[in-house]
Amino acid sequence: MPLHPLLARLVETAGATLVTPQTVEAFESLPGDGVLLFSGDPVRFPEALDLAVVLPELHAAHGRTFRIGVVAREGEDEVARRWSVLRWPSLVFMRDGQYLATLSGMKDWDVFVAEVGQALRAQPTRRPGVGIPVVSADASRGCH
């Protein structure tokens, strides 16, 4: 499934990296700040295309201090599970592979600039989600 032209433009002209389930660990392991763009299906989530246009401007507004990864549609659900992304479009911020913040949806410019700044100033924390699969030895017993 090819990238939408606006998402492809991020890779071709804005220096973003196309991220797949096979390359996500390499992207995460790079030093410094990074952001993953989870666009979802642009027909279902048209905000994704707005975000693809605004992201290079947010990048410039913050001194181009973070790298950008565009998650490929064909592996997006798998990569989304790694970061517990539940809403599209979303930006997941990381530093040295550690979680900083998730920003979902489109926002007014001033709000977006401020929230990206907050994300980039955040201290790394545990990734969202449970982190450990919950498995029952006897699923028939239930919780009680």
Protein backbone atom coordinates (compact mmCIF):
# COMPACT_ATOMS: atom_id res chain seq x y z
CA MET A 1 0.00 0.00 0.00
CA PRO A 2 1.73 3.20 -1.15
CA LEU A 3 1.96 6.25 1.07
CA HIS A 4 -0.44 9.09 0.44
CA PRO A 5 1.47 11.81 -1.50
CA LEU A 6 1.45 14.19 1.49
CA LEU A 7 2.96 11.51 3.72
CA ALA A 8 5.45 10.55 1.00
CA ARG A 9 6.47 14.22 0.80
CA LEU A 10 7.51 14.06 4.47
CA VAL A 11 9.94 11.28 3.57
CA GLU A 12 11.12 12.76 0.28
CA THR A 13 11.53 16.43 1.17
CA ALA A 14 11.35 16.79 4.97
CA GLY A 15 13.92 14.12 5.76
CA ALA A 16 11.50 11.82 7.56
CA THR A 17 12.20 8.10 7.82
CA LEU A 18 9.67 5.53 6.66
CA VAL A 19 9.21 3.21 9.66
CA THR A 20 7.97 -0.38 9.43
CA PRO A 21 7.69 -3.15 12.03
CA GLN A 22 11.09 -4.34 10.75
CA THR A 23 12.79 -0.93 11.15
CA VAL A 24 11.04 0.54 14.21
CA GLU A 25 13.69 -0.69 16.67
CA ALA A 26 16.44 0.92 14.60
CA PHE A 27 14.52 4.23 14.57
CA GLU A 28 13.89 4.01 18.32
CA SER A 29 17.52 3.24 19.10
CA LEU A 30 18.85 6.43 17.51
CA PRO A 31 20.08 8.97 20.06
CA GLY A 32 18.11 12.12 20.77
CA ASP A 33 14.51 13.11 20.30
CA GLY A 34 12.21 11.56 17.73
CA VAL A 35 8.56 11.48 16.80
CA LEU A 36 6.55 8.76 15.09
CA LEU A 37 3.58 9.83 12.98
CA PHE A 38 0.72 7.34 13.02
CA SER A 39 -1.58 8.56 10.26
CA GLY A 40 -4.10 5.79 9.92
CA ASP A 41 -6.22 5.63 6.78
CA PRO A 42 -6.41 9.20 5.43
CA VAL A 43 -9.92 8.51 4.10
CA ARG A 44 -11.16 7.58 7.59
CA PHE A 45 -8.92 10.11 9.37
CA PRO A 46 -8.56 13.17 7.12
CA GLU A 47 -6.83 15.04 9.98
CA ALA A 48 -3.81 12.87 9.18
CA LEU A 49 -3.21 14.82 5.99
CA ASP A 50 -3.43 18.12 7.85
CA LEU A 51 -0.92 16.75 10.34
CA ALA A 52 1.40 15.67 7.52
CA VAL A 53 1.41 19.28 6.27
CA VAL A 54 1.83 20.84 9.73
CA LEU A 55 4.49 18.45 11.08
CA PRO A 56 7.41 19.98 9.12
CA GLU A 57 6.30 23.41 10.41
CA LEU A 58 6.24 22.11 13.99
CA HIS A 59 9.68 20.61 13.34
CA ALA A 60 10.98 24.00 12.17
CA ALA A 61 9.30 25.84 15.07
CA HIS A 62 11.30 23.68 17.47
CA GLY A 63 14.64 24.17 15.73
CA ARG A 64 14.54 20.83 13.88
CA THR A 65 15.72 19.20 17.11
CA PHE A 66 13.88 15.92 16.60
CA ARG A 67 13.84 13.29 13.87
CA ILE A 68 10.58 12.31 12.20
CA GLY A 69 9.38 8.79 11.45
CA VAL A 70 6.33 8.13 9.29
CA VAL A 71 4.87 4.76 10.16
CA ALA A 72 3.99 2.75 7.04
CA ARG A 73 0.30 1.88 6.78
CA GLU A 74 0.88 -1.84 6.18
CA GLY A 75 2.60 -2.26 9.56
CA GLU A 76 0.96 0.55 11.46
CA ASP A 77 -1.19 -1.57 13.77
CA GLU A 78 1.83 -3.61 14.89
CA VAL A 79 3.94 -0.52 15.59
CA ALA A 80 0.95 1.16 17.27
CA ARG A 81 0.72 -1.73 19.74
CA ARG A 82 4.38 -1.13 20.73
CA TRP A 83 3.48 2.39 21.81
CA SER A 84 -0.18 1.81 22.85
CA VAL A 85 -1.49 4.20 20.21
CA LEU A 86 -5.28 4.11 20.32
CA ARG A 87 -6.25 7.13 18.21
CA TRP A 88 -5.36 8.24 14.71
CA PRO A 89 -3.64 10.41 13.77
CA SER A 90 -1.12 10.50 16.62
CA LEU A 91 2.40 11.69 17.25
CA VAL A 92 4.49 9.64 19.69
CA PHE A 93 7.51 11.49 21.07
CA MET A 94 10.56 9.65 22.37
CA ARG A 95 14.07 10.39 23.58
CA ASP A 96 16.76 7.77 23.16
CA GLY A 97 13.97 5.25 22.55
CA GLN A 98 12.16 6.11 25.77
CA TYR A 99 8.59 7.40 25.81
CA LEU A 100 7.92 11.12 26.29
CA ALA A 101 4.34 11.81 25.20
CA THR A 102 1.55 11.10 22.72
CA LEU A 103 -0.34 13.90 20.99
CA SER A 104 -3.47 12.82 19.13
CA GLY A 105 -5.50 14.63 16.52
CA MET A 106 -5.11 18.05 14.98
CA LYS A 107 -4.87 21.19 17.12
CA ASP A 108 -4.79 24.95 16.73
CA TRP A 109 -1.29 26.14 15.85
CA ASP A 110 -0.46 27.84 19.17
CA VAL A 111 -1.74 24.87 21.15
CA PHE A 112 0.22 22.45 18.96
CA VAL A 113 3.48 24.40 19.27
CA ALA A 114 3.08 24.54 23.05
CA GLU A 115 2.20 20.84 23.40
CA VAL A 116 5.13 19.75 21.20
CA GLY A 117 7.39 21.93 23.36
CA GLN A 118 6.03 20.28 26.50
CA ALA A 119 6.57 16.84 24.98
CA LEU A 120 10.17 17.68 24.09
CA ARG A 121 10.85 19.00 27.61
CA ALA A 122 9.27 15.98 29.31
CA GLN A 123 11.31 13.44 31.20
CA PRO A 124 11.22 9.92 29.75
CA THR A 125 8.73 7.64 31.39
CA ARG A 126 7.32 4.15 31.04
CA ARG A 127 5.52 3.50 27.78
CA PRO A 128 1.76 3.62 28.09
CA GLY A 129 -0.13 0.35 28.36
CA VAL A 130 0.11 -2.60 30.66
CA GLY A 131 3.44 -3.81 29.31
CA ILE A 132 2.93 -7.37 30.53
CA PRO A 133 0.38 -9.63 28.87
CA VAL A 134 -2.19 -10.84 31.40
CA VAL A 135 -2.70 -14.58 31.06
CA SER A 136 -4.82 -16.77 33.26
CA ALA A 137 -3.88 -20.36 34.04
CA ASP A 138 -7.59 -21.08 34.40
CA ALA A 139 -9.64 -18.69 32.29
CA SER A 140 -12.89 -20.42 33.32
CA ARG A 141 -12.63 -19.15 36.91
CA GLY A 142 -12.96 -15.45 36.05
CA CYS A 143 -11.90 -12.72 38.46
CA HIS A 144 -13.87 -13.76 41.54
